[in-house]
Amino acid sequence: MKKILFLSTLFLSIALLSACKKDDDSKETFGTLALEFDNVVGDKDLNMVESTSSDFKYKNGLDQDFNVSLLGYYITQIKLEGPNGETFADPVTTGANATDVKGIYQILESDINSQVVNLSNVPSGKYNKVTFTLGIPAEIVQEGATGGVLDPAEGAWLWNWDAGYIGMAFEGRSPASPVAETQWNPENSVQIHIGGWKDIQDNPNMVNNVKTITLDFGTNVNVGEKYNPSAHINMDLLEVIAGHHATADFTVTNQVHNPAGGHDFAENLHAAFEVDHVHQ
């Protein structure tokens, strides 16, 4: 009888341990993934200069010299996908206070800290693709609720509530530009601002230049408690200003400050981004 009782207790203990192990195995875990943005000009790293500099390091598609004194862009609505159905969407919220604004990032060449987007609470698994929105979609912002990186008082790039935000801004100088010096801009100024968040039928200047960009990592990236992966993404300015859909001739295209003017350049944006490499 004692032997039967012992065996029953032993089997019960094994069953309980097995059940606990199954519970532990089924517990969902999370990790992080960093997106690192690096801006380049063709095969050269992008280095900014002062707005009045005559140091021209780069050439556009028409062999015109230019430099860069400002470069940046907004990204939001980041999503990850995996080969086995894994998905993750970075939460996006907006509001009047800076603490209300989440999931919206302004990547600035002048601020190295802004160039790394750390995604947290990503479900453990394998991911091989990232999708993000370049620009600020109208549907995620309520009029008047513009805190944090969306606040014009803090330097956010808002045109107005018809034109929306500048999704990407490039400024510099080129000897080919005939622009005269003003109190706001130096001589030979080049400014190409790509923005606009809605099509307005009776206003041809208002077009939607917000773009959705999907990039393949080229491999499966492991995300989990034991991993610290990152994806290095290059943004090539030459693809923006001298791409398939539009090539800037700085003698005539040197001041783009409305959505319609930047429309063809916005069509170049998909080709401007690529994943250079990943770290596991």
Protein backbone atom coordinates (compact mmCIF):
# COMPACT_ATOMS: atom_id res chain seq x y z
CA MET A 1 0.00 0.00 0.00
CA LYS A 2 2.86 2.35 0.91
CA LYS A 3 4.52 1.56 -2.44
CA ILE A 4 1.34 2.42 -4.34
CA LEU A 5 0.98 5.68 -2.39
CA PHE A 6 4.62 6.58 -3.11
CA LEU A 7 4.24 5.93 -6.83
CA SER A 8 1.03 7.97 -6.95
CA THR A 9 2.75 10.89 -5.22
CA LEU A 10 5.73 10.59 -7.58
CA PHE A 11 3.53 10.62 -10.71
CA LEU A 12 1.56 13.59 -9.36
CA SER A 13 4.79 15.54 -8.71
CA ILE A 14 6.05 14.80 -12.22
CA ALA A 15 2.74 15.90 -13.71
CA LEU A 16 2.79 19.15 -11.71
CA LEU A 17 6.39 19.87 -12.73
CA SER A 18 5.54 19.15 -16.35
CA ALA A 19 2.55 21.50 -16.20
CA CYS A 20 4.68 24.25 -14.64
CA LYS A 21 7.31 23.79 -17.35
CA LYS A 22 4.64 24.10 -20.06
CA ASP A 23 3.37 27.30 -18.43
CA ASP A 24 6.91 28.71 -18.38
CA ASP A 25 7.50 27.72 -21.99
CA SER A 26 4.28 29.37 -23.13
CA LYS A 27 5.02 32.67 -21.38
CA GLU A 28 5.53 35.39 -24.02
CA THR A 29 8.87 37.18 -23.91
CA PHE A 30 10.01 40.43 -25.47
CA GLY A 31 13.15 42.11 -26.72
CA THR A 32 14.43 45.23 -28.45
CA LEU A 33 15.55 46.14 -31.94
CA ALA A 34 17.41 49.31 -32.91
CA LEU A 35 17.09 51.05 -36.27
CA GLU A 36 20.20 53.12 -37.02
CA PHE A 37 19.89 55.72 -39.79
CA ASP A 38 22.99 56.85 -41.66
CA ASN A 39 22.76 59.59 -44.30
CA VAL A 40 25.05 59.36 -47.32
CA VAL A 41 25.54 61.09 -50.68
CA GLY A 42 26.14 58.35 -53.22
CA ASP A 43 29.24 56.47 -52.07
CA LYS A 44 30.29 59.24 -49.66
CA ASP A 45 29.32 59.79 -46.05
CA LEU A 46 27.26 62.93 -45.56
CA ASN A 47 29.06 65.71 -43.70
CA MET A 48 27.28 68.98 -42.99
CA VAL A 49 28.84 72.44 -43.19
CA GLU A 50 27.82 75.91 -42.06
CA SER A 51 25.08 77.56 -44.12
CA THR A 52 27.55 80.09 -45.61
CA SER A 53 30.30 77.56 -46.40
CA SER A 54 31.87 77.41 -49.87
CA ASP A 55 33.23 73.92 -49.26
CA PHE A 56 31.42 71.89 -51.93
CA LYS A 57 32.00 68.19 -51.32
CA TYR A 58 29.32 66.70 -53.56
CA LYS A 59 27.95 66.73 -57.11
CA ASN A 60 24.34 66.20 -58.14
CA GLY A 61 23.08 64.27 -61.18
CA LEU A 62 24.00 67.16 -63.49
CA ASP A 63 27.56 67.43 -62.17
CA GLN A 64 26.70 70.60 -60.21
CA ASP A 65 28.64 71.14 -56.99
CA PHE A 66 26.73 71.45 -53.72
CA ASN A 67 27.02 71.09 -49.99
CA VAL A 68 24.62 70.29 -47.15
CA SER A 69 23.88 72.52 -44.16
CA LEU A 70 20.62 70.87 -43.04
CA LEU A 71 19.14 67.42 -43.55
CA GLY A 72 16.41 65.58 -41.72
CA TYR A 73 13.16 63.66 -42.00
CA TYR A 74 10.27 62.33 -39.95
CA ILE A 75 9.48 58.63 -39.65
CA THR A 76 6.54 57.04 -37.85
CA GLN A 77 4.19 54.02 -37.93
CA ILE A 78 7.09 51.54 -37.75
CA LYS A 79 6.16 47.89 -38.25
CA LEU A 80 8.20 44.69 -38.19
CA GLU A 81 7.34 41.43 -39.95
CA GLY A 82 8.80 37.97 -39.73
CA PRO A 83 8.90 34.89 -41.97
CA ASN A 84 6.69 32.88 -39.62
CA GLY A 85 3.95 35.45 -39.16
CA GLU A 86 5.64 37.52 -36.47
CA THR A 87 4.42 41.12 -36.35
CA PHE A 88 5.09 44.22 -34.27
CA ALA A 89 3.73 47.76 -34.56
CA ASP A 90 5.41 50.60 -32.70
CA PRO A 91 2.61 52.44 -30.83
CA VAL A 92 1.85 55.95 -32.14
CA THR A 93 0.14 58.61 -30.01
CA THR A 94 -0.03 62.39 -30.31
CA GLY A 95 -1.21 65.22 -28.11
CA ALA A 96 -0.55 68.73 -26.89
CA ASN A 97 2.20 67.69 -24.47
CA ALA A 98 5.58 66.27 -25.40
CA THR A 99 4.92 63.23 -23.20
CA ASP A 100 1.82 62.46 -25.28
CA VAL A 101 3.82 62.07 -28.49
CA LYS A 102 5.17 58.57 -29.03
CA GLY A 103 6.22 56.61 -32.07
CA ILE A 104 7.11 59.71 -34.12
CA TYR A 105 10.79 60.37 -34.76
CA GLN A 106 12.63 63.28 -36.34
CA ILE A 107 15.95 62.03 -37.75
CA LEU A 108 18.40 64.93 -37.91
CA GLU A 109 21.90 64.84 -39.37
CA SER A 110 22.83 67.50 -36.78
CA ASP A 111 21.78 65.29 -33.84
CA ILE A 112 23.50 61.90 -33.64
CA ASN A 113 21.18 60.76 -30.85
CA SER A 114 18.15 61.20 -33.10
CA GLN A 115 19.57 58.78 -35.66
CA VAL A 116 18.92 55.67 -33.55
CA VAL A 117 15.33 54.54 -33.02
CA ASN A 118 15.07 51.95 -30.26
CA LEU A 119 12.02 49.72 -30.55
CA SER A 120 11.07 48.09 -27.24
CA ASN A 121 8.56 45.43 -26.18
CA VAL A 122 9.03 43.60 -29.46
CA PRO A 123 7.68 40.01 -29.16
CA SER A 124 10.48 37.46 -29.31
CA GLY A 125 10.93 35.88 -32.71
CA LYS A 126 12.55 36.29 -36.09
CA TYR A 127 12.01 39.43 -38.18
CA ASN A 128 13.12 40.03 -41.75
CA LYS A 129 11.30 43.20 -42.82
CA VAL A 130 10.60 46.73 -41.58
CA THR A 131 7.98 49.17 -42.83
CA PHE A 132 7.74 52.83 -41.84
CA THR A 133 5.98 56.00 -42.91
CA LEU A 134 8.16 58.87 -44.10
CA GLY A 135 6.38 62.11 -43.25
CA ILE A 136 3.51 62.89 -40.91
CA PRO A 137 0.12 61.47 -41.97
CA ALA A 138 -2.77 63.87 -41.36
CA GLU A 139 -4.88 61.22 -39.64
CA ILE A 140 -2.51 60.82 -36.68
CA VAL A 141 -2.50 64.52 -35.71
CA GLN A 142 -5.40 66.53 -34.32
CA GLU A 143 -5.34 70.24 -35.11
CA GLY A 144 -3.85 72.13 -32.20
CA ALA A 145 -2.40 68.98 -30.59
CA THR A 146 1.22 69.42 -31.57
CA GLY A 147 3.58 68.60 -28.72
CA GLY A 148 7.14 67.31 -28.72
CA VAL A 149 8.73 66.79 -32.14
CA LEU A 150 5.50 68.06 -33.74
CA ASP A 151 5.51 71.40 -31.94
CA PRO A 152 6.41 74.36 -34.21
CA ALA A 153 7.43 76.30 -31.12
CA GLU A 154 10.14 73.67 -30.60
CA GLY A 155 11.32 73.81 -34.21
CA ALA A 156 8.97 71.26 -35.79
CA TRP A 157 8.62 71.60 -39.56
CA LEU A 158 4.93 72.51 -39.91
CA TRP A 159 3.86 74.56 -42.92
CA ASN A 160 0.15 74.92 -42.09
CA TRP A 161 -2.91 72.72 -41.59
CA ASP A 162 -3.54 72.34 -45.32
CA ALA A 163 0.03 71.63 -46.37
CA GLY A 164 0.96 69.72 -43.22
CA TYR A 165 4.51 68.93 -42.16
CA ILE A 166 7.73 68.88 -44.14
CA GLY A 167 8.53 65.17 -44.24
CA MET A 168 12.11 65.67 -45.47
CA ALA A 169 14.23 68.82 -45.61
CA PHE A 170 17.50 69.37 -47.44
CA GLU A 171 19.32 72.71 -47.46
CA GLY A 172 22.74 73.79 -48.65
CA ARG A 173 24.49 75.85 -51.30
CA SER A 174 25.54 75.38 -54.92
CA PRO A 175 27.48 77.68 -57.26
CA ALA A 176 24.87 76.74 -59.88
CA SER A 177 22.07 78.35 -57.88
CA PRO A 178 21.40 81.98 -58.90
CA VAL A 179 19.61 82.78 -55.62
CA ALA A 180 20.68 86.14 -54.19
CA GLU A 181 21.59 86.64 -50.55
CA THR A 182 18.75 87.68 -48.24
CA GLN A 183 18.47 88.25 -44.52
CA TRP A 184 17.23 84.64 -44.21
CA ASN A 185 19.37 82.77 -46.76
CA PRO A 186 22.94 82.96 -48.06
CA GLU A 187 23.84 83.53 -51.68
CA ASN A 188 23.54 80.43 -53.93
CA SER A 189 21.07 78.86 -51.52
CA VAL A 190 19.44 75.50 -52.29
CA GLN A 191 16.42 74.40 -50.27
CA ILE A 192 14.31 71.37 -51.17
CA HIS A 193 11.52 70.67 -48.70
CA ILE A 194 9.34 67.63 -49.36
CA GLY A 195 6.02 67.66 -47.52
CA GLY A 196 2.26 67.72 -47.82
CA TRP A 197 -0.22 65.37 -46.18
CA LYS A 198 -3.45 65.64 -48.14
CA ASP A 199 -4.77 66.04 -51.68
CA ILE A 200 -7.07 69.06 -51.99
CA GLN A 201 -9.07 68.89 -55.21
CA ASP A 202 -9.48 72.63 -55.77
CA ASN A 203 -5.91 73.46 -54.75
CA PRO A 204 -3.28 71.88 -57.03
CA ASN A 205 -0.48 72.99 -54.71
CA MET A 206 -1.75 70.65 -51.97
CA VAL A 207 -0.81 67.02 -52.56
CA ASN A 208 -0.11 64.08 -50.31
CA ASN A 209 3.61 63.29 -50.32
CA VAL A 210 3.59 60.98 -47.28
CA LYS A 211 5.23 57.69 -48.28
CA THR A 212 5.23 54.15 -46.91
CA ILE A 213 8.62 52.47 -47.23
CA THR A 214 9.29 48.75 -46.78
CA LEU A 215 12.82 47.38 -46.46
CA ASP A 216 14.07 43.80 -46.34
CA PHE A 217 16.75 43.02 -43.76
CA GLY A 218 18.29 40.44 -46.11
CA THR A 219 18.33 37.93 -43.24
CA ASN A 220 16.31 36.85 -40.23
CA VAL A 221 16.97 39.03 -37.19
CA ASN A 222 16.53 37.33 -33.82
CA VAL A 223 14.70 39.39 -31.20
CA GLY A 224 14.43 38.21 -27.59
CA GLU A 225 15.66 38.63 -24.06
CA LYS A 226 19.12 37.29 -24.95
CA TYR A 227 19.62 39.39 -28.09
CA ASN A 228 20.48 43.01 -28.83
CA PRO A 229 20.04 43.34 -32.62
CA SER A 230 20.23 46.46 -34.77
CA ALA A 231 19.61 47.26 -38.43
CA HIS A 232 21.76 49.86 -40.16
CA ILE A 233 19.71 51.83 -42.71
CA ASN A 234 21.31 54.13 -45.28
CA MET A 235 19.47 57.14 -46.71
CA ASP A 236 21.09 58.35 -49.94
CA LEU A 237 20.44 62.06 -50.59
CA LEU A 238 21.50 61.65 -54.22
CA GLU A 239 18.62 59.24 -54.78
CA VAL A 240 16.27 61.96 -53.50
CA ILE A 241 17.51 64.88 -55.58
CA ALA A 242 18.83 62.96 -58.60
CA GLY A 243 16.66 59.88 -58.77
CA HIS A 244 14.48 58.14 -61.32
CA HIS A 245 11.45 60.43 -60.98
CA ALA A 246 13.17 63.81 -60.61
CA THR A 247 16.63 65.33 -60.95
CA ALA A 248 17.25 68.77 -59.50
CA ASP A 249 18.87 71.31 -61.77
CA PHE A 250 20.01 73.87 -59.22
CA THR A 251 19.95 76.66 -61.81
CA VAL A 252 16.13 76.45 -61.79
CA THR A 253 15.13 74.03 -59.03
CA ASN A 254 16.65 75.52 -55.92
CA GLN A 255 13.76 76.66 -53.72
CA VAL A 256 11.03 74.03 -53.16
CA HIS A 257 8.63 75.15 -50.43
CA ASN A 258 5.24 73.67 -51.24
CA PRO A 259 3.82 70.14 -51.57
CA ALA A 260 3.32 70.22 -55.35
CA GLY A 261 6.90 71.37 -55.93
CA GLY A 262 8.24 68.41 -53.98
CA HIS A 263 5.91 65.79 -55.47
CA ASP A 264 8.36 64.28 -57.99
CA PHE A 265 11.15 64.24 -55.40
CA ALA A 266 8.80 62.43 -53.02
CA GLU A 267 8.48 59.70 -55.65
CA ASN A 268 12.26 59.19 -55.34
CA LEU A 269 12.09 58.45 -51.62
CA HIS A 270 11.46 54.70 -51.87
CA ALA A 271 14.80 54.19 -53.63
CA ALA A 272 16.69 56.42 -51.17
CA PHE A 273 16.48 53.98 -48.24
CA GLU A 274 18.13 50.58 -47.97
CA VAL A 275 19.31 48.25 -45.22
CA ASP A 276 23.11 48.22 -45.38
CA HIS A 277 23.66 45.52 -42.75
CA VAL A 278 22.33 44.10 -39.49
CA HIS A 279 23.99 43.22 -36.18
CA GLN A 280 22.79 40.28 -34.10
